[in-house]
Amino acid sequence: MKYVVWTAMAIVSLVVIGGGIAKLRGVEMVLASFATLGLPAISGTFIGLCEIAGGIGIWFRRTSKYAAGGLAIIMLGAIYYHALHTPIMEGLVAFIILLICGYIVKRRGTGIIG
């Protein structure tokens, strides 16, 4: 069962670290959502750093459930953006990552896996 959790962690890490790097590199398409929501430009940098930290922190036993919980909150924000400003299917990846993060929190929080 631990391999299922590790696979889930790998999926989340790849997706959020990739998104975080895109935000830090200033990819306009990725940062446009922050302007649409009326947030300052620094918000994209902050969320990008949080995504990278969460994607790394998810692998450490002591921080795994907290990193997954923090990433889940970020995904809620992404879902909110997509629900209001894009076709809802564009938010599907954020929804799937949210579900996977919830699974990781549940599994890592119970001490079931090593």
PDB file of N, CA and C in Angstrom:
ATOM      1  N   MET A   1       0.818  -1.201   0.000  1.00  0.00           N
ATOM      2  CA  MET A   1       0.000   0.000   0.000  1.00  0.00           C
ATOM      3  C   MET A   1       0.860   1.262   0.000  1.00  0.00           C
ATOM      4  N   LYS A   2       2.073   1.153   0.564  1.00  0.00           N
ATOM      5  CA  LYS A   2       2.912   2.347   0.601  1.00  0.00           C
ATOM      6  C   LYS A   2       3.321   2.792  -0.792  1.00  0.00           C
ATOM      7  N   TYR A   3       3.361   1.858  -1.752  1.00  0.00           N
ATOM      8  CA  TYR A   3       3.720   2.241  -3.114  1.00  0.00           C
ATOM      9  C   TYR A   3       2.624   3.078  -3.765  1.00  0.00           C
ATOM     10  N   VAL A   4       1.390   2.850  -3.381  1.00  0.00           N
ATOM     11  CA  VAL A   4       0.280   3.668  -3.884  1.00  0.00           C
ATOM     12  C   VAL A   4       0.447   5.102  -3.380  1.00  0.00           C
ATOM     13  N   VAL A   5       0.778   5.239  -2.105  1.00  0.00           N
ATOM     14  CA  VAL A   5       0.971   6.568  -1.528  1.00  0.00           C
ATOM     15  C   VAL A   5       2.176   7.243  -2.174  1.00  0.00           C
ATOM     16  N   TRP A   6       3.248   6.513  -2.365  1.00  0.00           N
ATOM     17  CA  TRP A   6       4.435   7.093  -2.998  1.00  0.00           C
ATOM     18  C   TRP A   6       4.134   7.541  -4.428  1.00  0.00           C
ATOM     19  N   THR A   7       3.333   6.758  -5.133  1.00  0.00           N
ATOM     20  CA  THR A   7       2.938   7.142  -6.486  1.00  0.00           C
ATOM     21  C   THR A   7       2.101   8.412  -6.449  1.00  0.00           C
ATOM     22  N   ALA A   8       1.179   8.483  -5.508  1.00  0.00           N
ATOM     23  CA  ALA A   8       0.363   9.689  -5.340  1.00  0.00           C
ATOM     24  C   ALA A   8       1.244  10.891  -5.036  1.00  0.00           C
ATOM     25  N   MET A   9       2.231  10.698  -4.167  1.00  0.00           N
ATOM     26  CA  MET A   9       3.141  11.778  -3.821  1.00  0.00           C
ATOM     27  C   MET A   9       3.970  12.213  -5.034  1.00  0.00           C
ATOM     28  N   ALA A  10       4.380  11.259  -5.848  1.00  0.00           N
ATOM     29  CA  ALA A  10       5.155  11.584  -7.047  1.00  0.00           C
ATOM     30  C   ALA A  10       4.321  12.399  -8.031  1.00  0.00           C
ATOM     31  N   ILE A  11       3.073  12.016  -8.221  1.00  0.00           N
ATOM     32  CA  ILE A  11       2.185  12.751  -9.131  1.00  0.00           C
ATOM     33  C   ILE A  11       2.011  14.188  -8.651  1.00  0.00           C
ATOM     34  N   VAL A  12       1.697  14.341  -7.364  1.00  0.00           N
ATOM     35  CA  VAL A  12       1.507  15.682  -6.811  1.00  0.00           C
ATOM     36  C   VAL A  12       2.787  16.496  -6.947  1.00  0.00           C
ATOM     37  N   SER A  13       3.909  15.904  -6.589  1.00  0.00           N
ATOM     38  CA  SER A  13       5.183  16.624  -6.665  1.00  0.00           C
ATOM     39  C   SER A  13       5.479  17.119  -8.074  1.00  0.00           C
ATOM     40  N   LEU A  14       5.329  16.247  -9.050  1.00  0.00           N
ATOM     41  CA  LEU A  14       5.630  16.637 -10.425  1.00  0.00           C
ATOM     42  C   LEU A  14       4.736  17.777 -10.896  1.00  0.00           C
ATOM     43  N   VAL A  15       3.449  17.673 -10.600  1.00  0.00           N
ATOM     44  CA  VAL A  15       2.511  18.691 -11.069  1.00  0.00           C
ATOM     45  C   VAL A  15       2.757  20.028 -10.377  1.00  0.00           C
ATOM     46  N   VAL A  16       2.858  20.026  -9.043  1.00  0.00           N
ATOM     47  CA  VAL A  16       2.965  21.305  -8.337  1.00  0.00           C
ATOM     48  C   VAL A  16       4.352  21.932  -8.469  1.00  0.00           C
ATOM     49  N   ILE A  17       5.388  21.137  -8.504  1.00  0.00           N
ATOM     50  CA  ILE A  17       6.726  21.713  -8.697  1.00  0.00           C
ATOM     51  C   ILE A  17       6.826  22.307 -10.106  1.00  0.00           C
ATOM     52  N   GLY A  18       6.261  21.618 -11.079  1.00  0.00           N
ATOM     53  CA  GLY A  18       6.229  22.173 -12.438  1.00  0.00           C
ATOM     54  C   GLY A  18       5.478  23.490 -12.495  1.00  0.00           C
ATOM     55  N   GLY A  19       4.329  23.546 -11.834  1.00  0.00           N
ATOM     56  CA  GLY A  19       3.565  24.792 -11.782  1.00  0.00           C
ATOM     57  C   GLY A  19       4.299  25.882 -11.026  1.00  0.00           C
ATOM     58  N   GLY A  20       4.969  25.511  -9.945  1.00  0.00           N
ATOM     59  CA  GLY A  20       5.731  26.476  -9.167  1.00  0.00           C
ATOM     60  C   GLY A  20       6.882  27.067  -9.961  1.00  0.00           C
ATOM     61  N   ILE A  21       7.573  26.219 -10.693  1.00  0.00           N
ATOM     62  CA  ILE A  21       8.682  26.692 -11.523  1.00  0.00           C
ATOM     63  C   ILE A  21       8.162  27.641 -12.605  1.00  0.00           C
ATOM     64  N   ALA A  22       7.026  27.297 -13.205  1.00  0.00           N
ATOM     65  CA  ALA A  22       6.442  28.167 -14.233  1.00  0.00           C
ATOM     66  C   ALA A  22       6.098  29.535 -13.652  1.00  0.00           C
ATOM     67  N   LYS A  23       5.576  29.556 -12.441  1.00  0.00           N
ATOM     68  CA  LYS A  23       5.250  30.837 -11.800  1.00  0.00           C
ATOM     69  C   LYS A  23       6.510  31.644 -11.507  1.00  0.00           C
ATOM     70  N   LEU A  24       7.534  30.997 -11.017  1.00  0.00           N
ATOM     71  CA  LEU A  24       8.776  31.709 -10.707  1.00  0.00           C
ATOM     72  C   LEU A  24       9.500  32.188 -11.967  1.00  0.00           C
ATOM     73  N   ARG A  25       9.336  31.471 -13.056  1.00  0.00           N
ATOM     74  CA  ARG A  25       9.965  31.884 -14.316  1.00  0.00           C
ATOM     75  C   ARG A  25       9.167  32.976 -15.011  1.00  0.00           C
ATOM     76  N   GLY A  26       7.979  33.276 -14.498  1.00  0.00           N
ATOM     77  CA  GLY A  26       7.174  34.366 -15.047  1.00  0.00           C
ATOM     78  C   GLY A  26       6.393  34.022 -16.287  1.00  0.00           C
ATOM     79  N   VAL A  27       6.008  32.767 -16.442  1.00  0.00           N
ATOM     80  CA  VAL A  27       5.204  32.363 -17.601  1.00  0.00           C
ATOM     81  C   VAL A  27       3.868  33.103 -17.537  1.00  0.00           C
ATOM     82  N   GLU A  28       3.632  33.945 -18.540  1.00  0.00           N
ATOM     83  CA  GLU A  28       2.482  34.856 -18.527  1.00  0.00           C
ATOM     84  C   GLU A  28       1.148  34.105 -18.403  1.00  0.00           C
ATOM     85  N   MET A  29       1.007  33.010 -19.125  1.00  0.00           N
ATOM     86  CA  MET A  29      -0.250  32.262 -19.090  1.00  0.00           C
ATOM     87  C   MET A  29      -0.560  31.754 -17.680  1.00  0.00           C
ATOM     88  N   VAL A  30       0.468  31.382 -16.944  1.00  0.00           N
ATOM     89  CA  VAL A  30       0.288  30.865 -15.586  1.00  0.00           C
ATOM     90  C   VAL A  30      -0.018  32.000 -14.615  1.00  0.00           C
ATOM     91  N   LEU A  31       0.603  33.148 -14.823  1.00  0.00           N
ATOM     92  CA  LEU A  31       0.434  34.271 -13.909  1.00  0.00           C
ATOM     93  C   LEU A  31      -0.817  35.101 -14.189  1.00  0.00           C
ATOM     94  N   ALA A  32      -1.431  34.924 -15.340  1.00  0.00           N
ATOM     95  CA  ALA A  32      -2.607  35.709 -15.702  1.00  0.00           C
ATOM     96  C   ALA A  32      -3.756  35.522 -14.713  1.00  0.00           C
ATOM     97  N   SER A  33      -3.854  34.353 -14.119  1.00  0.00           N
ATOM     98  CA  SER A  33      -4.960  34.097 -13.181  1.00  0.00           C
ATOM     99  C   SER A  33      -4.902  35.018 -11.966  1.00  0.00           C
ATOM    100  N   PHE A  34      -3.713  35.359 -11.523  1.00  0.00           N
ATOM    101  CA  PHE A  34      -3.584  36.229 -10.354  1.00  0.00           C
ATOM    102  C   PHE A  34      -4.078  37.639 -10.674  1.00  0.00           C
ATOM    103  N   ALA A  35      -3.754  38.128 -11.857  1.00  0.00           N
ATOM    104  CA  ALA A  35      -4.239  39.442 -12.280  1.00  0.00           C
ATOM    105  C   ALA A  35      -5.753  39.427 -12.444  1.00  0.00           C
ATOM    106  N   THR A  36      -6.287  38.349 -12.995  1.00  0.00           N
ATOM    107  CA  THR A  36      -7.726  38.220 -13.175  1.00  0.00           C
ATOM    108  C   THR A  36      -8.456  38.289 -11.842  1.00  0.00           C
ATOM    109  N   LEU A  37      -7.859  37.706 -10.811  1.00  0.00           N
ATOM    110  CA  LEU A  37      -8.463  37.722  -9.474  1.00  0.00           C
ATOM    111  C   LEU A  37      -8.186  39.021  -8.722  1.00  0.00           C
ATOM    112  N   GLY A  38      -7.433  39.923  -9.355  1.00  0.00           N
ATOM    113  CA  GLY A  38      -7.130  41.199  -8.726  1.00  0.00           C
ATOM    114  C   GLY A  38      -6.047  41.120  -7.661  1.00  0.00           C
ATOM    115  N   LEU A  39      -5.228  40.087  -7.724  1.00  0.00           N
ATOM    116  CA  LEU A  39      -4.153  39.911  -6.749  1.00  0.00           C
ATOM    117  C   LEU A  39      -2.871  40.562  -7.255  1.00  0.00           C
ATOM    118  N   PRO A  40      -2.015  41.022  -6.351  1.00  0.00           N
ATOM    119  CA  PRO A  40      -0.751  41.618  -6.798  1.00  0.00           C
ATOM    120  C   PRO A  40       0.157  40.576  -7.449  1.00  0.00           C
ATOM    121  N   ALA A  41       1.077  41.050  -8.264  1.00  0.00           N
ATOM    122  CA  ALA A  41       1.980  40.159  -9.006  1.00  0.00           C
ATOM    123  C   ALA A  41       2.805  39.276  -8.077  1.00  0.00           C
ATOM    124  N   ILE A  42       3.137  39.775  -6.914  1.00  0.00           N
ATOM    125  CA  ILE A  42       3.945  39.001  -5.959  1.00  0.00           C
ATOM    126  C   ILE A  42       3.211  37.736  -5.494  1.00  0.00           C
ATOM    127  N   SER A  43       1.899  37.705  -5.636  1.00  0.00           N
ATOM    128  CA  SER A  43       1.120  36.521  -5.255  1.00  0.00           C
ATOM    129  C   SER A  43       1.558  35.299  -6.044  1.00  0.00           C
ATOM    130  N   GLY A  44       1.829  35.485  -7.319  1.00  0.00           N
ATOM    131  CA  GLY A  44       2.279  34.374  -8.150  1.00  0.00           C
ATOM    132  C   GLY A  44       3.615  33.824  -7.678  1.00  0.00           C
ATOM    133  N   THR A  45       4.504  34.722  -7.297  1.00  0.00           N
ATOM    134  CA  THR A  45       5.810  34.297  -6.776  1.00  0.00           C
ATOM    135  C   THR A  45       5.634  33.542  -5.468  1.00  0.00           C
ATOM    136  N   PHE A  46       4.801  34.062  -4.586  1.00  0.00           N
ATOM    137  CA  PHE A  46       4.562  33.417  -3.292  1.00  0.00           C
ATOM    138  C   PHE A  46       3.972  32.024  -3.477  1.00  0.00           C
ATOM    139  N   ILE A  47       2.940  31.912  -4.306  1.00  0.00           N
ATOM    140  CA  ILE A  47       2.307  30.610  -4.538  1.00  0.00           C
ATOM    141  C   ILE A  47       3.289  29.662  -5.214  1.00  0.00           C
ATOM    142  N   GLY A  48       4.093  30.165  -6.134  1.00  0.00           N
ATOM    143  CA  GLY A  48       5.109  29.326  -6.781  1.00  0.00           C
ATOM    144  C   GLY A  48       6.099  28.760  -5.776  1.00  0.00           C
ATOM    145  N   LEU A  49       6.564  29.599  -4.860  1.00  0.00           N
ATOM    146  CA  LEU A  49       7.475  29.130  -3.807  1.00  0.00           C
ATOM    147  C   LEU A  49       6.797  28.107  -2.909  1.00  0.00           C
ATOM    148  N   CYS A  50       5.542  28.366  -2.565  1.00  0.00           N
ATOM    149  CA  CYS A  50       4.793  27.419  -1.722  1.00  0.00           C
ATOM    150  C   CYS A  50       4.603  26.082  -2.425  1.00  0.00           C
ATOM    151  N   GLU A  51       4.347  26.120  -3.724  1.00  0.00           N
ATOM    152  CA  GLU A  51       4.179  24.870  -4.474  1.00  0.00           C
ATOM    153  C   GLU A  51       5.476  24.068  -4.510  1.00  0.00           C
ATOM    154  N   ILE A  52       6.581  24.740  -4.726  1.00  0.00           N
ATOM    155  CA  ILE A  52       7.861  24.034  -4.744  1.00  0.00           C
ATOM    156  C   ILE A  52       8.175  23.474  -3.364  1.00  0.00           C
ATOM    157  N   ALA A  53       7.973  24.283  -2.330  1.00  0.00           N
ATOM    158  CA  ALA A  53       8.222  23.807  -0.963  1.00  0.00           C
ATOM    159  C   ALA A  53       7.312  22.633  -0.616  1.00  0.00           C
ATOM    160  N   GLY A  54       6.051  22.715  -1.009  1.00  0.00           N
ATOM    161  CA  GLY A  54       5.110  21.627  -0.741  1.00  0.00           C
ATOM    162  C   GLY A  54       5.458  20.363  -1.509  1.00  0.00           C
ATOM    163  N   GLY A  55       5.867  20.535  -2.771  1.00  0.00           N
ATOM    164  CA  GLY A  55       6.253  19.383  -3.586  1.00  0.00           C
ATOM    165  C   GLY A  55       7.468  18.661  -3.045  1.00  0.00           C
ATOM    166  N   ILE A  56       8.342  19.395  -2.371  1.00  0.00           N
ATOM    167  CA  ILE A  56       9.504  18.779  -1.726  1.00  0.00           C
ATOM    168  C   ILE A  56       9.129  18.261  -0.340  1.00  0.00           C
ATOM    169  N   GLY A  57       8.411  19.073   0.419  1.00  0.00           N
ATOM    170  CA  GLY A  57       8.045  18.708   1.795  1.00  0.00           C
ATOM    171  C   GLY A  57       7.166  17.486   1.904  1.00  0.00           C
ATOM    172  N   ILE A  58       6.480  17.169   0.845  1.00  0.00           N
ATOM    173  CA  ILE A  58       5.587  16.012   0.849  1.00  0.00           C
ATOM    174  C   ILE A  58       6.362  14.701   1.027  1.00  0.00           C
ATOM    175  N   TRP A  59       7.674  14.731   0.740  1.00  0.00           N
ATOM    176  CA  TRP A  59       8.490  13.521   0.808  1.00  0.00           C
ATOM    177  C   TRP A  59       9.097  13.259   2.176  1.00  0.00           C
ATOM    178  N   PHE A  60       9.022  14.211   3.077  1.00  0.00           N
ATOM    179  CA  PHE A  60       9.600  14.037   4.408  1.00  0.00           C
ATOM    180  C   PHE A  60       8.508  13.655   5.394  1.00  0.00           C
ATOM    181  N   ARG A  61       8.747  12.609   6.158  1.00  0.00           N
ATOM    182  CA  ARG A  61       7.747  12.048   7.061  1.00  0.00           C
ATOM    183  C   ARG A  61       7.141  13.108   7.982  1.00  0.00           C
ATOM    184  N   ARG A  62       7.981  13.957   8.543  1.00  0.00           N
ATOM    185  CA  ARG A  62       7.488  14.949   9.507  1.00  0.00           C
ATOM    186  C   ARG A  62       6.637  16.036   8.867  1.00  0.00           C
ATOM    187  N   THR A  63       6.873  16.329   7.619  1.00  0.00           N
ATOM    188  CA  THR A  63       6.168  17.446   6.974  1.00  0.00           C
ATOM    189  C   THR A  63       5.160  17.011   5.919  1.00  0.00           C
ATOM    190  N   SER A  64       5.097  15.742   5.626  1.00  0.00           N
ATOM    191  CA  SER A  64       4.302  15.248   4.507  1.00  0.00           C
ATOM    192  C   SER A  64       2.835  15.653   4.588  1.00  0.00           C
ATOM    193  N   LYS A  65       2.194  15.382   5.708  1.00  0.00           N
ATOM    194  CA  LYS A  65       0.756  15.692   5.781  1.00  0.00           C
ATOM    195  C   LYS A  65       0.510  17.194   5.773  1.00  0.00           C
ATOM    196  N   TYR A  66       1.446  17.971   6.326  1.00  0.00           N
ATOM    197  CA  TYR A  66       1.280  19.428   6.322  1.00  0.00           C
ATOM    198  C   TYR A  66       1.495  19.995   4.926  1.00  0.00           C
ATOM    199  N   ALA A  67       2.474  19.466   4.226  1.00  0.00           N
ATOM    200  CA  ALA A  67       2.728  19.901   2.849  1.00  0.00           C
ATOM    201  C   ALA A  67       1.531  19.568   1.965  1.00  0.00           C
ATOM    202  N   ALA A  68       1.001  18.364   2.114  1.00  0.00           N
ATOM    203  CA  ALA A  68      -0.166  17.966   1.318  1.00  0.00           C
ATOM    204  C   ALA A  68      -1.374  18.827   1.669  1.00  0.00           C
ATOM    205  N   GLY A  69      -1.530  19.148   2.945  1.00  0.00           N
ATOM    206  CA  GLY A  69      -2.634  20.021   3.365  1.00  0.00           C
ATOM    207  C   GLY A  69      -2.490  21.422   2.788  1.00  0.00           C
ATOM    208  N   GLY A  70      -1.281  21.957   2.802  1.00  0.00           N
ATOM    209  CA  GLY A  70      -1.048  23.273   2.219  1.00  0.00           C
ATOM    210  C   GLY A  70      -1.289  23.282   0.722  1.00  0.00           C
ATOM    211  N   LEU A  71      -0.850  22.238   0.053  1.00  0.00           N
ATOM    212  CA  LEU A  71      -1.086  22.139  -1.388  1.00  0.00           C
ATOM    213  C   LEU A  71      -2.577  21.998  -1.691  1.00  0.00           C
ATOM    214  N   ALA A  72      -3.302  21.316  -0.816  1.00  0.00           N
ATOM    215  CA  ALA A  72      -4.754  21.191  -0.997  1.00  0.00           C
ATOM    216  C   ALA A  72      -5.413  22.570  -0.942  1.00  0.00           C
ATOM    217  N   ILE A  73      -4.949  23.421  -0.045  1.00  0.00           N
ATOM    218  CA  ILE A  73      -5.500  24.780   0.050  1.00  0.00           C
ATOM    219  C   ILE A  73      -5.212  25.559  -1.236  1.00  0.00           C
ATOM    220  N   ILE A  74      -4.004  25.414  -1.752  1.00  0.00           N
ATOM    221  CA  ILE A  74      -3.670  26.075  -3.016  1.00  0.00           C
ATOM    222  C   ILE A  74      -4.566  25.557  -4.139  1.00  0.00           C
ATOM    223  N   MET A  75      -4.827  24.257  -4.153  1.00  0.00           N
ATOM    224  CA  MET A  75      -5.690  23.684  -5.188  1.00  0.00           C
ATOM    225  C   MET A  75      -7.125  24.194  -5.056  1.00  0.00           C
ATOM    226  N   LEU A  76      -7.589  24.434  -3.838  1.00  0.00           N
ATOM    227  CA  LEU A  76      -8.921  25.032  -3.660  1.00  0.00           C
ATOM    228  C   LEU A  76      -8.972  26.403  -4.319  1.00  0.00           C
ATOM    229  N   GLY A  77      -7.901  27.166  -4.167  1.00  0.00           N
ATOM    230  CA  GLY A  77      -7.831  28.466  -4.837  1.00  0.00           C
ATOM    231  C   GLY A  77      -7.852  28.327  -6.346  1.00  0.00           C
ATOM    232  N   ALA A  78      -7.146  27.339  -6.856  1.00  0.00           N
ATOM    233  CA  ALA A  78      -7.130  27.105  -8.305  1.00  0.00           C
ATOM    234  C   ALA A  78      -8.511  26.702  -8.805  1.00  0.00           C
ATOM    235  N   ILE A  79      -9.188  25.861  -8.047  1.00  0.00           N
ATOM    236  CA  ILE A  79     -10.543  25.436  -8.426  1.00  0.00           C
ATOM    237  C   ILE A  79     -11.487  26.635  -8.423  1.00  0.00           C
ATOM    238  N   TYR A  80     -11.359  27.493  -7.417  1.00  0.00           N
ATOM    239  CA  TYR A  80     -12.167  28.710  -7.344  1.00  0.00           C
ATOM    240  C   TYR A  80     -11.969  29.562  -8.602  1.00  0.00           C
ATOM    241  N   TYR A  81     -10.711  29.772  -8.966  1.00  0.00           N
ATOM    242  CA  TYR A  81     -10.413  30.555 -10.169  1.00  0.00           C
ATOM    243  C   TYR A  81     -11.062  29.922 -11.402  1.00  0.00           C
ATOM    244  N   HIS A  82     -10.877  28.628 -11.584  1.00  0.00           N
ATOM    245  CA  HIS A  82     -11.414  27.970 -12.774  1.00  0.00           C
ATOM    246  C   HIS A  82     -12.932  27.954 -12.780  1.00  0.00           C
ATOM    247  N   ALA A  83     -13.544  27.830 -11.625  1.00  0.00           N
ATOM    248  CA  ALA A  83     -15.003  27.822 -11.554  1.00  0.00           C
ATOM    249  C   ALA A  83     -15.591  29.167 -11.982  1.00  0.00           C
ATOM    250  N   LEU A  84     -14.891  30.246 -11.681  1.00  0.00           N
ATOM    251  CA  LEU A  84     -15.416  31.576 -11.998  1.00  0.00           C
ATOM    252  C   LEU A  84     -14.982  32.108 -13.359  1.00  0.00           C
ATOM    253  N   HIS A  85     -13.794  31.742 -13.837  1.00  0.00           N
ATOM    254  CA  HIS A  85     -13.223  32.439 -14.982  1.00  0.00           C
ATOM    255  C   HIS A  85     -12.867  31.585 -16.189  1.00  0.00           C
ATOM    256  N   THR A  86     -13.005  30.299 -16.120  1.00  0.00           N
ATOM    257  CA  THR A  86     -12.658  29.447 -17.258  1.00  0.00           C
ATOM    258  C   THR A  86     -13.724  28.365 -17.396  1.00  0.00           C
ATOM    259  N   PRO A  87     -13.710  27.643 -18.502  1.00  0.00           N
ATOM    260  CA  PRO A  87     -14.565  26.453 -18.559  1.00  0.00           C
ATOM    261  C   PRO A  87     -14.157  25.513 -17.420  1.00  0.00           C
ATOM    262  N   ILE A  88     -15.112  24.993 -16.718  1.00  0.00           N
ATOM    263  CA  ILE A  88     -14.855  24.233 -15.483  1.00  0.00           C
ATOM    264  C   ILE A  88     -13.907  23.059 -15.699  1.00  0.00           C
ATOM    265  N   MET A  89     -13.894  22.495 -16.893  1.00  0.00           N
ATOM    266  CA  MET A  89     -13.014  21.352 -17.155  1.00  0.00           C
ATOM    267  C   MET A  89     -11.537  21.724 -17.055  1.00  0.00           C
ATOM    268  N   GLU A  90     -11.222  22.999 -17.186  1.00  0.00           N
ATOM    269  CA  GLU A  90      -9.831  23.426 -17.027  1.00  0.00           C
ATOM    270  C   GLU A  90      -9.359  23.285 -15.584  1.00  0.00           C
ATOM    271  N   GLY A  91     -10.299  23.196 -14.666  1.00  0.00           N
ATOM    272  CA  GLY A  91      -9.958  23.009 -13.263  1.00  0.00           C
ATOM    273  C   GLY A  91      -9.883  21.553 -12.842  1.00  0.00           C
ATOM    274  N   LEU A  92     -10.033  20.643 -13.790  1.00  0.00           N
ATOM    275  CA  LEU A  92     -10.043  19.213 -13.470  1.00  0.00           C
ATOM    276  C   LEU A  92      -8.725  18.754 -12.847  1.00  0.00           C
ATOM    277  N   VAL A  93      -7.604  19.225 -13.362  1.00  0.00           N
ATOM    278  CA  VAL A  93      -6.306  18.815 -12.804  1.00  0.00           C
ATOM    279  C   VAL A  93      -6.191  19.272 -11.347  1.00  0.00           C
ATOM    280  N   ALA A  94      -6.597  20.514 -11.076  1.00  0.00           N
ATOM    281  CA  ALA A  94      -6.549  21.020  -9.701  1.00  0.00           C
ATOM    282  C   ALA A  94      -7.443  20.186  -8.788  1.00  0.00           C
ATOM    283  N   PHE A  95      -8.603  19.773  -9.287  1.00  0.00           N
ATOM    284  CA  PHE A  95      -9.513  18.947  -8.488  1.00  0.00           C
ATOM    285  C   PHE A  95      -8.902  17.581  -8.198  1.00  0.00           C
ATOM    286  N   ILE A  96      -8.284  16.986  -9.194  1.00  0.00           N
ATOM    287  CA  ILE A  96      -7.649  15.678  -9.002  1.00  0.00           C
ATOM    288  C   ILE A  96      -6.492  15.787  -8.014  1.00  0.00           C
ATOM    289  N   ILE A  97      -5.677  16.831  -8.140  1.00  0.00           N
ATOM    290  CA  ILE A  97      -4.567  17.032  -7.199  1.00  0.00           C
ATOM    291  C   ILE A  97      -5.113  17.263  -5.800  1.00  0.00           C
ATOM    292  N   LEU A  98      -6.216  17.993  -5.667  1.00  0.00           N
ATOM    293  CA  LEU A  98      -6.860  18.189  -4.367  1.00  0.00           C
ATOM    294  C   LEU A  98      -7.249  16.852  -3.746  1.00  0.00           C
ATOM    295  N   LEU A  99      -7.868  15.985  -4.522  1.00  0.00           N
ATOM    296  CA  LEU A  99      -8.264  14.663  -4.013  1.00  0.00           C
ATOM    297  C   LEU A  99      -7.042  13.837  -3.602  1.00  0.00           C
ATOM    298  N   ILE A 100      -6.004  13.869  -4.418  1.00  0.00           N
ATOM    299  CA  ILE A 100      -4.794  13.112  -4.098  1.00  0.00           C
ATOM    300  C   ILE A 100      -4.149  13.655  -2.828  1.00  0.00           C
ATOM    301  N   CYS A 101      -4.128  14.977  -2.685  1.00  0.00           N
ATOM    302  CA  CYS A 101      -3.574  15.577  -1.456  1.00  0.00           C
ATOM    303  C   CYS A 101      -4.364  15.129  -0.232  1.00  0.00           C
ATOM    304  N   GLY A 102      -5.685  15.080  -0.357  1.00  0.00           N
ATOM    305  CA  GLY A 102      -6.513  14.588   0.749  1.00  0.00           C
ATOM    306  C   GLY A 102      -6.166  13.150   1.109  1.00  0.00           C
ATOM    307  N   TYR A 103      -5.947  12.333   0.106  1.00  0.00           N
ATOM    308  CA  TYR A 103      -5.547  10.945   0.333  1.00  0.00           C
ATOM    309  C   TYR A 103      -4.203  10.879   1.056  1.00  0.00           C
ATOM    310  N   ILE A 104      -3.255  11.712   0.629  1.00  0.00           N
ATOM    311  CA  ILE A 104      -1.934  11.720   1.258  1.00  0.00           C
ATOM    312  C   ILE A 104      -2.043  12.161   2.712  1.00  0.00           C
ATOM    313  N   VAL A 105      -2.817  13.195   2.981  1.00  0.00           N
ATOM    314  CA  VAL A 105      -3.008  13.660   4.363  1.00  0.00           C
ATOM    315  C   VAL A 105      -3.562  12.530   5.209  1.00  0.00           C
ATOM    316  N   LYS A 106      -4.562  11.835   4.687  1.00  0.00           N
ATOM    317  CA  LYS A 106      -5.182  10.735   5.442  1.00  0.00           C
ATOM    318  C   LYS A 106      -4.192   9.607   5.708  1.00  0.00           C
ATOM    319  N   ARG A 107      -3.449   9.220   4.691  1.00  0.00           N
ATOM    320  CA  ARG A 107      -2.519   8.102   4.852  1.00  0.00           C
ATOM    321  C   ARG A 107      -1.295   8.469   5.688  1.00  0.00           C
ATOM    322  N   ARG A 108      -0.741   9.641   5.467  1.00  0.00           N
ATOM    323  CA  ARG A 108       0.458  10.051   6.194  1.00  0.00           C
ATOM    324  C   ARG A 108       0.124  10.469   7.617  1.00  0.00           C
ATOM    325  N   GLY A 109      -1.082  10.922   7.836  1.00  0.00           N
ATOM    326  CA  GLY A 109      -1.475  11.379   9.165  1.00  0.00           C
ATOM    327  C   GLY A 109      -1.774  10.258  10.145  1.00  0.00           C
ATOM    328  N   THR A 110      -1.968   9.050   9.644  1.00  0.00           N
ATOM    329  CA  THR A 110      -2.333   7.947  10.507  1.00  0.00           C
ATOM    330  C   THR A 110      -1.151   7.081  10.906  1.00  0.00           C
ATOM    331  N   GLY A 111      -0.001   7.326  10.324  1.00  0.00           N
ATOM    332  CA  GLY A 111       1.181   6.524  10.637  1.00  0.00           C
ATOM    333  C   GLY A 111       1.142   5.144  10.018  1.00  0.00           C
ATOM    334  N   ILE A 112       0.284   4.958   8.994  1.00  0.00           N
ATOM    335  CA  ILE A 112       0.137   3.652   8.371  1.00  0.00           C
ATOM    336  C   ILE A 112       1.341   3.292   7.516  1.00  0.00           C
ATOM    337  N   ILE A 113       1.932   4.280   6.848  1.00  0.00           N
ATOM    338  CA  ILE A 113       3.065   3.968   5.983  1.00  0.00           C
ATOM    339  C   ILE A 113       4.344   4.575   6.533  1.00  0.00           C
ATOM    340  N   GLY A 114       5.452   4.066   6.069  1.00  0.00           N
ATOM    341  CA  GLY A 114       6.753   4.554   6.531  1.00  0.00           C
ATOM    342  C   GLY A 114       7.340   5.591   5.651  1.00  0.00           C
TER     343      GLY A 114
END
